[in-house]
C-alpha cells in the first residue's frame, strides 16, 4: 500500500477502524475517492502478497493442531451432532407419519 501512497495504515484492521471513514450504523462509509483509493490499494497489496492464501493456510494449520491436541473433545462434539440429527430425523419421521394418518 505504501507504494501507492497509502502509508498511514500498518495493516488492514487499522484502515478499517480509522474513524476518518465516518462509518454509518450499517458499517458502510461514504465511499469517497480517498476511501476507494485505499480499498483498491489494499486489494492490490493483498493479491500481490497472497494474503488470503497465507491467512487460510495459517488458519488450517492452527485448526489441525487444535484437533490433534483435543481429539477427544472433537469426537464428543461430532457424536453429539450425530445424536442431535438422529433425534430430529426421528421426530420428523413420526410427525410425517402422524400427518399422513390424520388425513384418513
C-alpha atoms as a PDB file:
ATOM      1  CA  UNK A   1       0.000   0.000   0.000  1.00  0.00           C
ATOM      2  CA  UNK A   2       2.910   2.321   0.700  1.00  0.00           C
ATOM      3  CA  UNK A   3       3.948   2.054  -2.971  1.00  0.00           C
ATOM      4  CA  UNK A   4       0.590   3.544  -3.902  1.00  0.00           C
ATOM      5  CA  UNK A   5       0.875   6.415  -1.436  1.00  0.00           C
ATOM      6  CA  UNK A   6      -1.108   4.907   1.434  1.00  0.00           C
ATOM      7  CA  UNK A   7       1.479   4.829   4.201  1.00  0.00           C
ATOM      8  CA  UNK A   8      -0.887   5.672   7.013  1.00  0.00           C
ATOM      9  CA  UNK A   9      -2.106   2.146   7.810  1.00  0.00           C
ATOM     10  CA  UNK A  10       0.193  -0.565   9.108  1.00  0.00           C
ATOM     11  CA  UNK A  11      -2.401  -3.271   8.424  1.00  0.00           C
ATOM     12  CA  UNK A  12      -5.964  -3.773   7.072  1.00  0.00           C
ATOM     13  CA  UNK A  13      -7.525  -3.634  10.531  1.00  0.00           C
ATOM     14  CA  UNK A  14      -6.000  -0.221  11.155  1.00  0.00           C
ATOM     15  CA  UNK A  15      -7.533   1.065   7.923  1.00  0.00           C
ATOM     16  CA  UNK A  16     -10.930  -0.438   8.683  1.00  0.00           C
ATOM     17  CA  UNK A  17     -11.085   1.014  12.175  1.00  0.00           C
ATOM     18  CA  UNK A  18      -9.948   4.529  11.203  1.00  0.00           C
ATOM     19  CA  UNK A  19     -12.600   6.975  12.377  1.00  0.00           C
ATOM     20  CA  UNK A  20     -11.819   9.176   9.351  1.00  0.00           C
ATOM     21  CA  UNK A  21     -14.035   6.872   7.287  1.00  0.00           C
ATOM     22  CA  UNK A  22     -17.188   8.096   9.037  1.00  0.00           C
ATOM     23  CA  UNK A  23     -18.966   4.749   9.089  1.00  0.00           C
ATOM     24  CA  UNK A  24     -22.726   4.748   9.348  1.00  0.00           C
ATOM     25  CA  UNK A  25     -24.633   2.445  11.671  1.00  0.00           C
ATOM     26  CA  UNK A  26     -24.718  -0.119   8.853  1.00  0.00           C
ATOM     27  CA  UNK A  27     -20.904  -0.213   8.732  1.00  0.00           C
ATOM     28  CA  UNK A  28     -20.689   1.432   5.333  1.00  0.00           C
ATOM     29  CA  UNK A  29     -18.722   4.558   4.527  1.00  0.00           C
ATOM     30  CA  UNK A  30     -19.430   7.451   2.168  1.00  0.00           C
ATOM     31  CA  UNK A  31     -17.171   5.864  -0.491  1.00  0.00           C
ATOM     32  CA  UNK A  32     -15.102   8.969  -1.096  1.00  0.00           C
ATOM     33  CA  UNK A  33     -12.281   8.988  -3.659  1.00  0.00           C
ATOM     34  CA  UNK A  34      -9.792   8.516  -0.798  1.00  0.00           C
ATOM     35  CA  UNK A  35     -11.735   5.524   0.526  1.00  0.00           C
ATOM     36  CA  UNK A  36     -11.958   3.920  -2.897  1.00  0.00           C
ATOM     37  CA  UNK A  37      -8.256   4.535  -3.494  1.00  0.00           C
ATOM     38  CA  UNK A  38      -7.341   2.985  -0.166  1.00  0.00           C
ATOM     39  CA  UNK A  39      -9.564  -0.022  -0.846  1.00  0.00           C
ATOM     40  CA  UNK A  40      -8.076  -0.527  -4.321  1.00  0.00           C
ATOM     41  CA  UNK A  41      -4.534  -0.280  -2.928  1.00  0.00           C
ATOM     42  CA  UNK A  42      -5.450  -2.763  -0.200  1.00  0.00           C
ATOM     43  CA  UNK A  43      -6.811  -5.301  -2.694  1.00  0.00           C
ATOM     44  CA  UNK A  44      -3.777  -4.881  -4.947  1.00  0.00           C
ATOM     45  CA  UNK A  45      -1.461  -5.394  -1.984  1.00  0.00           C
ATOM     46  CA  UNK A  46      -3.321  -8.472  -0.779  1.00  0.00           C
ATOM     47  CA  UNK A  47      -3.235 -10.022  -4.245  1.00  0.00           C
ATOM     48  CA  UNK A  48       0.475  -9.308  -4.678  1.00  0.00           C
ATOM     49  CA  UNK A  49       1.366 -10.824  -1.312  1.00  0.00           C
ATOM     50  CA  UNK A  50      -1.176 -13.681  -1.453  1.00  0.00           C
ATOM     51  CA  UNK A  51      -2.611 -12.556   1.874  1.00  0.00           C
ATOM     52  CA  UNK A  52      -5.832 -14.581   1.719  1.00  0.00           C
ATOM     53  CA  UNK A  53      -3.941 -17.754   0.846  1.00  0.00           C
ATOM     54  CA  UNK A  54      -1.480 -17.209   3.691  1.00  0.00           C
ATOM     55  CA  UNK A  55      -4.267 -16.495   6.180  1.00  0.00           C
ATOM     56  CA  UNK A  56      -6.120 -19.610   5.046  1.00  0.00           C
ATOM     57  CA  UNK A  57      -3.010 -21.805   5.342  1.00  0.00           C
ATOM     58  CA  UNK A  58      -2.212 -20.439   8.808  1.00  0.00           C
ATOM     59  CA  UNK A  59      -5.787 -20.998   9.984  1.00  0.00           C
ATOM     60  CA  UNK A  60      -5.804 -24.547   8.594  1.00  0.00           C
ATOM     61  CA  UNK A  61      -2.524 -25.338  10.409  1.00  0.00           C
ATOM     62  CA  UNK A  62      -3.904 -23.922  13.669  1.00  0.00           C
ATOM     63  CA  UNK A  63      -7.139 -25.867  13.322  1.00  0.00           C
ATOM     64  CA  UNK A  64      -5.316 -29.124  12.539  1.00  0.00           C
ATOM     65  CA  UNK A  65      -3.086 -28.645  15.581  1.00  0.00           C
ATOM     66  CA  UNK A  66      -6.106 -27.900  17.779  1.00  0.00           C
ATOM     67  CA  UNK A  67      -7.919 -31.005  16.535  1.00  0.00           C
ATOM     68  CA  UNK A  68      -4.820 -33.108  17.245  1.00  0.00           C
ATOM     69  CA  UNK A  69      -4.485 -31.677  20.777  1.00  0.00           C
ATOM     70  CA  UNK A  70      -8.192 -32.057  21.602  1.00  0.00           C
ATOM     71  CA  UNK A  71      -9.229 -35.053  19.525  1.00  0.00           C
ATOM     72  CA  UNK A  72     -11.469 -36.391  22.314  1.00  0.00           C
ATOM     73  CA  UNK A  73     -13.431 -33.138  22.521  1.00  0.00           C
ATOM     74  CA  UNK A  74     -13.949 -33.007  18.757  1.00  0.00           C
ATOM     75  CA  UNK A  75     -15.026 -36.657  18.709  1.00  0.00           C
ATOM     76  CA  UNK A  76     -17.534 -35.965  21.502  1.00  0.00           C
ATOM     77  CA  UNK A  77     -18.840 -32.925  19.612  1.00  0.00           C
ATOM     78  CA  UNK A  78     -19.255 -34.981  16.455  1.00  0.00           C
ATOM     79  CA  UNK A  79     -21.121 -37.692  18.350  1.00  0.00           C
ATOM     80  CA  UNK A  80     -23.406 -35.084  19.930  1.00  0.00           C
ATOM     81  CA  UNK A  81     -24.144 -33.645  16.478  1.00  0.00           C
ATOM     82  CA  UNK A  82     -24.936 -37.115  15.120  1.00  0.00           C
ATOM     83  CA  UNK A  83     -27.277 -37.779  18.048  1.00  0.00           C
ATOM     84  CA  UNK A  84     -28.988 -34.411  17.544  1.00  0.00           C
ATOM     85  CA  UNK A  85     -29.520 -35.100  13.844  1.00  0.00           C
ATOM     86  CA  UNK A  86     -30.789 -38.593  14.549  1.00  0.00           C
ATOM     87  CA  UNK A  87     -33.301 -37.249  17.068  1.00  0.00           C
ATOM     88  CA  UNK A  88     -34.542 -34.639  14.604  1.00  0.00           C
ATOM     89  CA  UNK A  89     -34.852 -37.245  11.861  1.00  0.00           C
ATOM     90  CA  UNK A  90     -36.894 -39.468  14.170  1.00  0.00           C
ATOM     91  CA  UNK A  91     -39.210 -36.618  15.230  1.00  0.00           C
ATOM     92  CA  UNK A  92     -39.759 -35.580  11.627  1.00  0.00           C
ATOM     93  CA  UNK A  93     -40.441 -39.186  10.637  1.00  0.00           C
ATOM     94  CA  UNK A  94     -43.033 -39.513  13.407  1.00  0.00           C
ATOM     95  CA  UNK A  95     -44.639 -36.181  12.540  1.00  0.00           C
ATOM     96  CA  UNK A  96     -44.765 -37.155   8.881  1.00  0.00           C
ATOM     97  CA  UNK A  97     -46.457 -40.425   9.730  1.00  0.00           C
ATOM     98  CA  UNK A  98     -48.906 -38.721  12.102  1.00  0.00           C
ATOM     99  CA  UNK A  99     -49.755 -36.124   9.455  1.00  0.00           C
ATOM    100  CA  UNK A 100     -50.417 -38.888   6.937  1.00  0.00           C
ATOM    101  CA  UNK A 101     -52.535 -40.846   9.456  1.00  0.00           C
ATOM    102  CA  UNK A 102     -54.682 -37.834  10.419  1.00  0.00           C
ATOM    103  CA  UNK A 103     -55.809 -37.359   6.829  1.00  0.00           C
ATOM    104  CA  UNK A 104     -57.573 -40.727   6.679  1.00  0.00           C
END
